């Protein structure tokens, strides 16, 4: 999932920063992106599907924005899924 998020952000953005704080599966908890404003709605929709919300936006000039996305409910995304334990068996 992390590679998908990063790839899409780099495709839309002039510059991107990802936080070092990550979820259980490696997704960044915070994304700061410098983007052409006309692409913001499309990128926001994509990131919303991955559990992010826009927490701030600063217009930079006429056509660009500096936007901060935060992962919603980080503790929910840190819970390991059933697939993570599928191969583990303690029975002998």
Protein backbone atom coordinates (compact mmCIF):
# COMPACT_ATOMS: atom_id res chain seq x y z
CA UNK A 1 0.00 0.00 0.00
CA UNK A 2 2.81 2.40 0.83
CA UNK A 3 4.33 2.20 -2.64
CA UNK A 4 0.94 2.93 -4.21
CA UNK A 5 0.37 6.01 -2.05
CA UNK A 6 3.87 7.33 -2.64
CA UNK A 7 3.75 6.70 -6.40
CA UNK A 8 0.44 8.51 -6.83
CA UNK A 9 1.59 11.45 -4.72
CA UNK A 10 4.81 11.82 -6.71
CA UNK A 11 2.84 11.64 -9.97
CA UNK A 12 0.58 14.56 -9.00
CA UNK A 13 2.95 16.69 -6.96
CA UNK A 14 5.76 19.15 -7.48
CA UNK A 15 7.18 18.05 -4.11
CA UNK A 16 6.11 15.59 -1.38
CA UNK A 17 7.15 14.89 2.21
CA UNK A 18 6.14 11.71 4.06
CA UNK A 19 6.30 11.40 7.84
CA UNK A 20 8.62 8.90 9.46
CA UNK A 21 5.72 7.79 11.65
CA UNK A 22 4.04 4.90 9.83
CA UNK A 23 1.19 2.47 10.36
CA UNK A 24 1.51 -1.27 10.92
CA UNK A 25 1.63 -1.85 7.14
CA UNK A 26 4.02 1.03 6.43
CA UNK A 27 1.67 3.82 5.30
CA UNK A 28 2.85 7.30 6.36
CA UNK A 29 0.77 8.96 9.09
CA UNK A 30 1.24 12.40 7.51
CA UNK A 31 1.75 13.62 3.94
CA UNK A 32 2.66 17.18 2.99
CA UNK A 33 2.35 17.90 -0.70
CA UNK A 34 2.95 20.88 -3.00
CA UNK A 35 0.50 20.44 -5.85
CA UNK A 36 -1.08 22.29 -8.73
CA UNK A 37 -4.53 23.21 -7.42
CA UNK A 38 -6.43 21.71 -10.37
CA UNK A 39 -5.23 18.21 -9.35
CA UNK A 40 -6.06 18.55 -5.67
CA UNK A 41 -9.62 17.20 -5.81
CA UNK A 42 -8.57 14.07 -7.69
CA UNK A 43 -5.66 13.35 -5.34
CA UNK A 44 -7.83 14.05 -2.28
CA UNK A 45 -10.37 11.48 -3.46
CA UNK A 46 -7.65 8.89 -3.92
CA UNK A 47 -6.12 9.52 -0.50
CA UNK A 48 -9.56 9.48 1.14
CA UNK A 49 -9.96 5.89 -0.08
CA UNK A 50 -6.79 5.05 1.87
CA UNK A 51 -8.01 6.71 5.07
CA UNK A 52 -6.49 10.20 4.77
CA UNK A 53 -8.18 13.57 5.29
CA UNK A 54 -7.00 17.02 4.31
CA UNK A 55 -6.07 18.81 7.52
CA UNK A 56 -4.76 22.08 6.09
CA UNK A 57 -4.32 23.93 2.83
CA UNK A 58 -2.35 27.06 1.96
CA UNK A 59 -2.70 28.62 -1.46
CA UNK A 60 0.69 29.44 -2.93
CA UNK A 61 0.28 31.86 -5.78
CA UNK A 62 -2.54 31.56 -8.26
CA UNK A 63 -2.19 27.90 -9.26
CA UNK A 64 -0.50 25.94 -6.45
CA UNK A 65 -1.33 24.75 -2.95
CA UNK A 66 0.61 23.35 -0.02
CA UNK A 67 -1.59 20.66 1.51
CA UNK A 68 -1.30 18.47 4.58
CA UNK A 69 -3.06 15.09 4.71
CA UNK A 70 -3.34 13.12 7.95
CA UNK A 71 -4.29 9.50 8.40
CA UNK A 72 -7.67 9.30 10.13
CA UNK A 73 -7.82 7.18 13.29
CA UNK A 74 -4.23 5.95 13.19
CA UNK A 75 -4.87 3.36 15.94
CA UNK A 76 -7.51 1.65 13.76
CA UNK A 77 -5.02 1.19 10.92
CA UNK A 78 -2.34 -0.17 13.26
CA UNK A 79 -4.36 -3.27 14.10
CA UNK A 80 -2.91 -6.35 12.42
CA UNK A 81 -5.35 -8.06 10.08
CA UNK A 82 -6.37 -11.72 10.21
CA UNK A 83 -4.18 -12.31 7.14
CA UNK A 84 -1.11 -11.37 9.18
CA UNK A 85 -1.74 -14.35 11.44
CA UNK A 86 -3.01 -16.85 8.85
CA UNK A 87 0.17 -18.91 8.83
CA UNK A 88 0.77 -18.83 12.60
CA UNK A 89 -0.28 -21.90 14.49
CA UNK A 90 0.78 -22.77 18.02
CA UNK A 91 -0.96 -26.14 18.13
CA UNK A 92 1.23 -29.25 17.96
